[in-house]
Amino acid sequence: MNIIADTIKKGRKFDQVIEGARAIFMRDGFEGANVDDIAKAAGVSKATLYSYFPDKRVLFAEVARQECERQAESTINVVDMANDPREALTHIARAMVEFVTSDFGINVFRICVAESARFPELGCQFYDSGPRLVRERVSEFLRCAAEQGHFVIDDMELAAEQLMELTKTYIFPRILCGIQTKFSDAEKARIVDGAVEMFMARYGTGSTARA
């Protein structure tokens, strides 16, 4: 049972509330976000907002869930299964890097980590709708590609996790420590290309292991 989802009520202005909340959370963070500001940004009354979401953390959890699911789906949707596996992996890795380095990706991670001790369900939902969902989608792609003879993989979930972690190389520790939050196209390309090369060297078969 999803305790957070069970407390949400849908209505005609539900999407307005989500968009308004997204803007305020990303601007002010979870603690700094004011319900009055969220209602104003959404163009609804506080009464309407509370009729959908009983408290701010439930609203934030839904904003994070929707965005993470959208990003997870787009990670795989950009891949044409008929493409060369290296090209497909490059699309996936690029989508992951773009999310990790995006303002939303950085902020939602920081907020979830900061609040997960007080509200464990926030951390659980972020993981379920973000990293776990991406892992599942990537595992599906890898399984299909392996069946076509492009990869030799014994543990699909582990391989998917490894690809996800490779796309965080260099950039994620710098973001986490507040050293750097903006990355050039060249820096992103370096991470993407390195991740694909290492993954293909480990799991690629025959001519696919090296272009």
C-alpha atoms as a PDB file:
ATOM      1  CA  MET A   1       0.000   0.000   0.000  1.00  0.00           C
ATOM      2  CA  ASN A   2       1.254   3.481  -0.888  1.00  0.00           C
ATOM      3  CA  ILE A   3       0.414   5.564   2.180  1.00  0.00           C
ATOM      4  CA  ILE A   4       1.167   8.837   0.386  1.00  0.00           C
ATOM      5  CA  ALA A   5      -0.928   8.030  -2.683  1.00  0.00           C
ATOM      6  CA  ASP A   6      -3.852   6.920  -0.504  1.00  0.00           C
ATOM      7  CA  THR A   7      -4.121  10.404   1.025  1.00  0.00           C
ATOM      8  CA  ILE A   8      -4.334  12.250  -2.322  1.00  0.00           C
ATOM      9  CA  LYS A   9      -7.668  13.333  -3.777  1.00  0.00           C
ATOM     10  CA  LYS A  10      -7.972  14.153  -7.481  1.00  0.00           C
ATOM     11  CA  GLY A  11     -10.006  17.042  -8.857  1.00  0.00           C
ATOM     12  CA  ARG A  12     -10.409  19.452 -11.768  1.00  0.00           C
ATOM     13  CA  LYS A  13      -7.522  21.692 -10.693  1.00  0.00           C
ATOM     14  CA  PHE A  14      -5.209  18.895  -9.589  1.00  0.00           C
ATOM     15  CA  ASP A  15      -2.700  19.474 -12.399  1.00  0.00           C
ATOM     16  CA  GLN A  16      -2.643  23.211 -11.682  1.00  0.00           C
ATOM     17  CA  VAL A  17      -1.707  22.521  -8.093  1.00  0.00           C
ATOM     18  CA  ILE A  18       1.087  20.155  -9.162  1.00  0.00           C
ATOM     19  CA  GLU A  19       2.592  22.700 -11.572  1.00  0.00           C
ATOM     20  CA  GLY A  20       2.379  25.518  -9.036  1.00  0.00           C
ATOM     21  CA  ALA A  21       3.927  23.361  -6.332  1.00  0.00           C
ATOM     22  CA  ARG A  22       6.716  22.228  -8.637  1.00  0.00           C
ATOM     23  CA  ALA A  23       7.716  25.835  -9.316  1.00  0.00           C
ATOM     24  CA  ILE A  24       7.722  26.812  -5.639  1.00  0.00           C
ATOM     25  CA  PHE A  25       9.498  23.690  -4.365  1.00  0.00           C
ATOM     26  CA  MET A  26      12.239  24.113  -6.928  1.00  0.00           C
ATOM     27  CA  ARG A  27      12.595  27.795  -6.071  1.00  0.00           C
ATOM     28  CA  ASP A  28      12.389  27.617  -2.274  1.00  0.00           C
ATOM     29  CA  GLY A  29      13.068  24.007  -1.310  1.00  0.00           C
ATOM     30  CA  PHE A  30      10.803  21.896   0.877  1.00  0.00           C
ATOM     31  CA  GLU A  31      11.265  23.806   4.125  1.00  0.00           C
ATOM     32  CA  GLY A  32      11.138  27.224   2.489  1.00  0.00           C
ATOM     33  CA  ALA A  33       8.079  26.502   0.376  1.00  0.00           C
ATOM     34  CA  ASN A  34       5.027  28.347   1.669  1.00  0.00           C
ATOM     35  CA  VAL A  35       1.539  26.957   1.137  1.00  0.00           C
ATOM     36  CA  ASP A  36       0.245  30.457   0.377  1.00  0.00           C
ATOM     37  CA  ASP A  37       2.852  30.830  -2.365  1.00  0.00           C
ATOM     38  CA  ILE A  38       2.018  27.412  -3.797  1.00  0.00           C
ATOM     39  CA  ALA A  39      -1.698  28.247  -3.930  1.00  0.00           C
ATOM     40  CA  LYS A  40      -0.939  31.585  -5.603  1.00  0.00           C
ATOM     41  CA  ALA A  41       1.371  29.993  -8.168  1.00  0.00           C
ATOM     42  CA  ALA A  42      -1.262  27.349  -8.894  1.00  0.00           C
ATOM     43  CA  GLY A  43      -4.080  29.886  -9.162  1.00  0.00           C
ATOM     44  CA  VAL A  44      -6.212  28.114  -6.556  1.00  0.00           C
ATOM     45  CA  SER A  45      -7.373  28.785  -3.026  1.00  0.00           C
ATOM     46  CA  LYS A  46      -5.690  27.192  -0.012  1.00  0.00           C
ATOM     47  CA  ALA A  47      -8.924  25.318   0.606  1.00  0.00           C
ATOM     48  CA  THR A  48      -8.729  23.774  -2.853  1.00  0.00           C
ATOM     49  CA  LEU A  49      -5.073  22.865  -2.345  1.00  0.00           C
ATOM     50  CA  TYR A  50      -5.789  21.170   0.984  1.00  0.00           C
ATOM     51  CA  SER A  51      -8.747  19.326  -0.527  1.00  0.00           C
ATOM     52  CA  TYR A  52      -6.256  17.511  -2.762  1.00  0.00           C
ATOM     53  CA  PHE A  53      -3.280  17.241  -0.421  1.00  0.00           C
ATOM     54  CA  PRO A  54      -3.583  17.048   3.377  1.00  0.00           C
ATOM     55  CA  ASP A  55      -0.069  18.425   3.975  1.00  0.00           C
ATOM     56  CA  LYS A  56       2.998  19.788   2.205  1.00  0.00           C
ATOM     57  CA  ARG A  57       5.086  16.641   2.293  1.00  0.00           C
ATOM     58  CA  VAL A  58       2.371  14.660   0.495  1.00  0.00           C
ATOM     59  CA  LEU A  59       2.239  17.373  -2.164  1.00  0.00           C
ATOM     60  CA  PHE A  60       6.002  17.321  -2.567  1.00  0.00           C
ATOM     61  CA  ALA A  61       6.035  13.533  -2.805  1.00  0.00           C
ATOM     62  CA  GLU A  62       3.521  13.652  -5.656  1.00  0.00           C
ATOM     63  CA  VAL A  63       5.476  16.357  -7.500  1.00  0.00           C
ATOM     64  CA  ALA A  64       8.666  14.291  -7.199  1.00  0.00           C
ATOM     65  CA  ARG A  65       6.906  11.074  -8.229  1.00  0.00           C
ATOM     66  CA  GLN A  66       5.413  12.555 -11.380  1.00  0.00           C
ATOM     67  CA  GLU A  67       8.642  14.166 -12.503  1.00  0.00           C
ATOM     68  CA  CYS A  68      10.747  11.092 -11.781  1.00  0.00           C
ATOM     69  CA  GLU A  69       8.332   8.828 -13.638  1.00  0.00           C
ATOM     70  CA  ARG A  70       8.320  11.206 -16.603  1.00  0.00           C
ATOM     71  CA  GLN A  71      12.099  11.211 -16.672  1.00  0.00           C
ATOM     72  CA  ALA A  72      12.291   7.429 -16.313  1.00  0.00           C
ATOM     73  CA  GLU A  73       9.884   6.896 -19.188  1.00  0.00           C
ATOM     74  CA  SER A  74      11.684   9.388 -21.419  1.00  0.00           C
ATOM     75  CA  THR A  75      14.972   7.602 -20.737  1.00  0.00           C
ATOM     76  CA  ILE A  76      13.716   4.530 -22.563  1.00  0.00           C
ATOM     77  CA  ASN A  77      11.239   6.154 -24.945  1.00  0.00           C
ATOM     78  CA  VAL A  78      14.081   7.850 -26.820  1.00  0.00           C
ATOM     79  CA  VAL A  79      15.515   4.444 -27.700  1.00  0.00           C
ATOM     80  CA  ASP A  80      14.540   2.807 -30.980  1.00  0.00           C
ATOM     81  CA  MET A  81      15.009  -0.893 -30.390  1.00  0.00           C
ATOM     82  CA  ALA A  82      16.095  -1.303 -34.031  1.00  0.00           C
ATOM     83  CA  ASN A  83      19.058   1.041 -33.504  1.00  0.00           C
ATOM     84  CA  ASP A  84      22.628  -0.060 -32.951  1.00  0.00           C
ATOM     85  CA  PRO A  85      23.002  -1.040 -29.260  1.00  0.00           C
ATOM     86  CA  ARG A  86      25.815   1.469 -28.760  1.00  0.00           C
ATOM     87  CA  GLU A  87      23.607   4.256 -30.070  1.00  0.00           C
ATOM     88  CA  ALA A  88      20.744   3.123 -27.842  1.00  0.00           C
ATOM     89  CA  LEU A  89      23.004   3.055 -24.777  1.00  0.00           C
ATOM     90  CA  THR A  90      24.253   6.532 -25.647  1.00  0.00           C
ATOM     91  CA  HIS A  91      20.669   7.836 -25.722  1.00  0.00           C
ATOM     92  CA  ILE A  92      19.968   6.259 -22.324  1.00  0.00           C
ATOM     93  CA  ALA A  93      23.202   7.510 -20.754  1.00  0.00           C
ATOM     94  CA  ARG A  94      22.656  11.023 -22.111  1.00  0.00           C
ATOM     95  CA  ALA A  95      19.112  11.143 -20.695  1.00  0.00           C
ATOM     96  CA  MET A  96      20.429  10.046 -17.293  1.00  0.00           C
ATOM     97  CA  VAL A  97      23.198  12.643 -17.272  1.00  0.00           C
ATOM     98  CA  GLU A  98      20.778  15.391 -18.295  1.00  0.00           C
ATOM     99  CA  PHE A  99      18.437  14.498 -15.428  1.00  0.00           C
ATOM    100  CA  VAL A 100      21.180  14.262 -12.815  1.00  0.00           C
ATOM    101  CA  THR A 101      22.551  17.670 -13.829  1.00  0.00           C
ATOM    102  CA  SER A 102      19.167  19.376 -14.278  1.00  0.00           C
ATOM    103  CA  ASP A 103      17.948  21.917 -11.722  1.00  0.00           C
ATOM    104  CA  PHE A 104      15.008  19.664 -10.911  1.00  0.00           C
ATOM    105  CA  GLY A 105      17.149  16.556 -10.549  1.00  0.00           C
ATOM    106  CA  ILE A 106      19.569  18.303  -8.219  1.00  0.00           C
ATOM    107  CA  ASN A 107      16.871  19.921  -6.112  1.00  0.00           C
ATOM    108  CA  VAL A 108      14.595  16.919  -5.785  1.00  0.00           C
ATOM    109  CA  PHE A 109      17.514  14.748  -4.695  1.00  0.00           C
ATOM    110  CA  ARG A 110      18.643  17.260  -2.085  1.00  0.00           C
ATOM    111  CA  ILE A 111      15.133  17.724  -0.731  1.00  0.00           C
ATOM    112  CA  CYS A 112      14.410  14.000  -0.519  1.00  0.00           C
ATOM    113  CA  VAL A 113      17.708  13.263   1.235  1.00  0.00           C
ATOM    114  CA  ALA A 114      17.254  16.172   3.648  1.00  0.00           C
ATOM    115  CA  GLU A 115      13.712  15.130   4.573  1.00  0.00           C
ATOM    116  CA  SER A 116      13.973  11.326   4.435  1.00  0.00           C
ATOM    117  CA  ALA A 117      15.028  11.016   8.084  1.00  0.00           C
ATOM    118  CA  ARG A 118      11.907  12.848   9.292  1.00  0.00           C
ATOM    119  CA  PHE A 119       9.611  11.511   6.576  1.00  0.00           C
ATOM    120  CA  PRO A 120      10.916   8.081   5.492  1.00  0.00           C
ATOM    121  CA  GLU A 121       8.014   7.638   3.079  1.00  0.00           C
ATOM    122  CA  LEU A 122       9.371  10.524   1.001  1.00  0.00           C
ATOM    123  CA  GLY A 123      12.678   8.756   0.484  1.00  0.00           C
ATOM    124  CA  CYS A 124      10.948   5.465  -0.287  1.00  0.00           C
ATOM    125  CA  GLN A 125       8.650   7.050  -2.854  1.00  0.00           C
ATOM    126  CA  PHE A 126      11.509   8.956  -4.478  1.00  0.00           C
ATOM    127  CA  TYR A 127      13.451   5.703  -4.823  1.00  0.00           C
ATOM    128  CA  ASP A 128      10.458   3.769  -6.160  1.00  0.00           C
ATOM    129  CA  SER A 129       9.486   6.393  -8.744  1.00  0.00           C
ATOM    130  CA  GLY A 130      13.051   7.367  -9.624  1.00  0.00           C
ATOM    131  CA  PRO A 131      16.057   5.024  -9.358  1.00  0.00           C
ATOM    132  CA  ARG A 132      14.079   1.799  -9.104  1.00  0.00           C
ATOM    133  CA  LEU A 133      11.822   2.652 -12.037  1.00  0.00           C
ATOM    134  CA  VAL A 134      14.809   3.626 -14.186  1.00  0.00           C
ATOM    135  CA  ARG A 135      16.557   0.375 -13.239  1.00  0.00           C
ATOM    136  CA  GLU A 136      13.493  -1.622 -14.274  1.00  0.00           C
ATOM    137  CA  ARG A 137      13.188   0.179 -17.617  1.00  0.00           C
ATOM    138  CA  VAL A 138      16.906  -0.172 -18.376  1.00  0.00           C
ATOM    139  CA  SER A 139      16.800  -3.848 -17.369  1.00  0.00           C
ATOM    140  CA  GLU A 140      13.968  -4.403 -19.857  1.00  0.00           C
ATOM    141  CA  PHE A 141      16.016  -2.807 -22.642  1.00  0.00           C
ATOM    142  CA  LEU A 142      19.127  -4.817 -21.768  1.00  0.00           C
ATOM    143  CA  ARG A 143      17.171  -8.069 -21.622  1.00  0.00           C
ATOM    144  CA  CYS A 144      15.712  -7.447 -25.074  1.00  0.00           C
ATOM    145  CA  ALA A 145      19.105  -6.447 -26.497  1.00  0.00           C
ATOM    146  CA  ALA A 146      20.737  -9.531 -24.933  1.00  0.00           C
ATOM    147  CA  GLU A 147      18.106 -11.765 -26.544  1.00  0.00           C
ATOM    148  CA  GLN A 148      19.101 -10.203 -29.888  1.00  0.00           C
ATOM    149  CA  GLY A 149      22.716 -11.159 -29.211  1.00  0.00           C
ATOM    150  CA  HIS A 150      24.099  -7.689 -28.494  1.00  0.00           C
ATOM    151  CA  PHE A 151      25.056  -8.329 -24.854  1.00  0.00           C
ATOM    152  CA  VAL A 152      26.011 -11.197 -22.574  1.00  0.00           C
ATOM    153  CA  ILE A 153      24.559 -10.356 -19.153  1.00  0.00           C
ATOM    154  CA  ASP A 154      23.893 -12.765 -16.289  1.00  0.00           C
ATOM    155  CA  ASP A 155      22.425 -10.220 -13.871  1.00  0.00           C
ATOM    156  CA  MET A 156      20.255  -7.649 -15.667  1.00  0.00           C
ATOM    157  CA  GLU A 157      19.453  -5.615 -12.567  1.00  0.00           C
ATOM    158  CA  LEU A 158      23.101  -5.343 -11.580  1.00  0.00           C
ATOM    159  CA  ALA A 159      24.082  -4.343 -15.114  1.00  0.00           C
ATOM    160  CA  ALA A 160      21.355  -1.681 -15.149  1.00  0.00           C
ATOM    161  CA  GLU A 161      22.549  -0.323 -11.796  1.00  0.00           C
ATOM    162  CA  GLN A 162      26.121  -0.260 -13.089  1.00  0.00           C
ATOM    163  CA  LEU A 163      25.096   1.758 -16.140  1.00  0.00           C
ATOM    164  CA  MET A 164      23.207   4.206 -13.924  1.00  0.00           C
ATOM    165  CA  GLU A 165      26.209   4.647 -11.666  1.00  0.00           C
ATOM    166  CA  LEU A 166      28.600   5.096 -14.591  1.00  0.00           C
ATOM    167  CA  THR A 167      26.532   8.079 -15.724  1.00  0.00           C
ATOM    168  CA  LYS A 168      27.096   9.730 -12.328  1.00  0.00           C
ATOM    169  CA  THR A 169      30.889   9.466 -12.505  1.00  0.00           C
ATOM    170  CA  TYR A 170      32.666  12.746 -11.702  1.00  0.00           C
ATOM    171  CA  ILE A 171      29.502  14.857 -11.778  1.00  0.00           C
ATOM    172  CA  PHE A 172      27.482  13.416  -8.879  1.00  0.00           C
ATOM    173  CA  PRO A 173      30.104  13.769  -6.115  1.00  0.00           C
ATOM    174  CA  ARG A 174      30.703  17.344  -7.222  1.00  0.00           C
ATOM    175  CA  ILE A 175      26.988  18.119  -7.084  1.00  0.00           C
ATOM    176  CA  LEU A 176      26.609  16.368  -3.723  1.00  0.00           C
ATOM    177  CA  CYS A 177      29.438  18.376  -2.175  1.00  0.00           C
ATOM    178  CA  GLY A 178      28.303  21.648  -3.714  1.00  0.00           C
ATOM    179  CA  ILE A 179      31.501  22.037  -5.717  1.00  0.00           C
ATOM    180  CA  GLN A 180      29.795  22.310  -9.093  1.00  0.00           C
ATOM    181  CA  THR A 181      26.189  22.299 -10.320  1.00  0.00           C
ATOM    182  CA  LYS A 182      26.567  23.439 -13.930  1.00  0.00           C
ATOM    183  CA  PHE A 183      28.303  21.262 -16.495  1.00  0.00           C
ATOM    184  CA  SER A 184      29.256  22.023 -20.075  1.00  0.00           C
ATOM    185  CA  ASP A 185      28.169  19.922 -23.028  1.00  0.00           C
ATOM    186  CA  ALA A 186      31.759  18.715 -23.321  1.00  0.00           C
ATOM    187  CA  GLU A 187      31.812  17.553 -19.689  1.00  0.00           C
ATOM    188  CA  LYS A 188      28.508  15.720 -20.122  1.00  0.00           C
ATOM    189  CA  ALA A 189      29.664  14.105 -23.371  1.00  0.00           C
ATOM    190  CA  ARG A 190      32.837  12.906 -21.660  1.00  0.00           C
ATOM    191  CA  ILE A 191      30.778  11.097 -19.007  1.00  0.00           C
ATOM    192  CA  VAL A 192      28.312   9.657 -21.524  1.00  0.00           C
ATOM    193  CA  ASP A 193      31.016   8.373 -23.872  1.00  0.00           C
ATOM    194  CA  GLY A 194      33.041   6.911 -21.009  1.00  0.00           C
ATOM    195  CA  ALA A 195      30.001   5.164 -19.540  1.00  0.00           C
ATOM    196  CA  VAL A 196      29.060   3.601 -22.871  1.00  0.00           C
ATOM    197  CA  GLU A 197      32.619   2.504 -23.633  1.00  0.00           C
ATOM    198  CA  MET A 198      33.048   0.825 -20.250  1.00  0.00           C
ATOM    199  CA  PHE A 199      29.631  -0.840 -20.373  1.00  0.00           C
ATOM    200  CA  MET A 200      30.185  -2.164 -23.889  1.00  0.00           C
ATOM    201  CA  ALA A 201      33.670  -3.420 -22.979  1.00  0.00           C
ATOM    202  CA  ARG A 202      32.176  -5.412 -20.093  1.00  0.00           C
ATOM    203  CA  TYR A 203      28.963  -6.726 -21.658  1.00  0.00           C
ATOM    204  CA  GLY A 204      29.235  -6.256 -25.421  1.00  0.00           C
ATOM    205  CA  THR A 205      29.576  -9.255 -27.724  1.00  0.00           C
ATOM    206  CA  GLY A 206      31.971  -9.550 -30.635  1.00  0.00           C
ATOM    207  CA  SER A 207      32.019  -6.449 -32.823  1.00  0.00           C
ATOM    208  CA  THR A 208      29.571  -4.604 -30.511  1.00  0.00           C
ATOM    209  CA  ALA A 209      32.128  -4.506 -27.702  1.00  0.00           C
ATOM    210  CA  ARG A 210      34.157  -1.887 -29.531  1.00  0.00           C
ATOM    211  CA  ALA A 211      33.059   0.388 -32.370  1.00  0.00           C
END
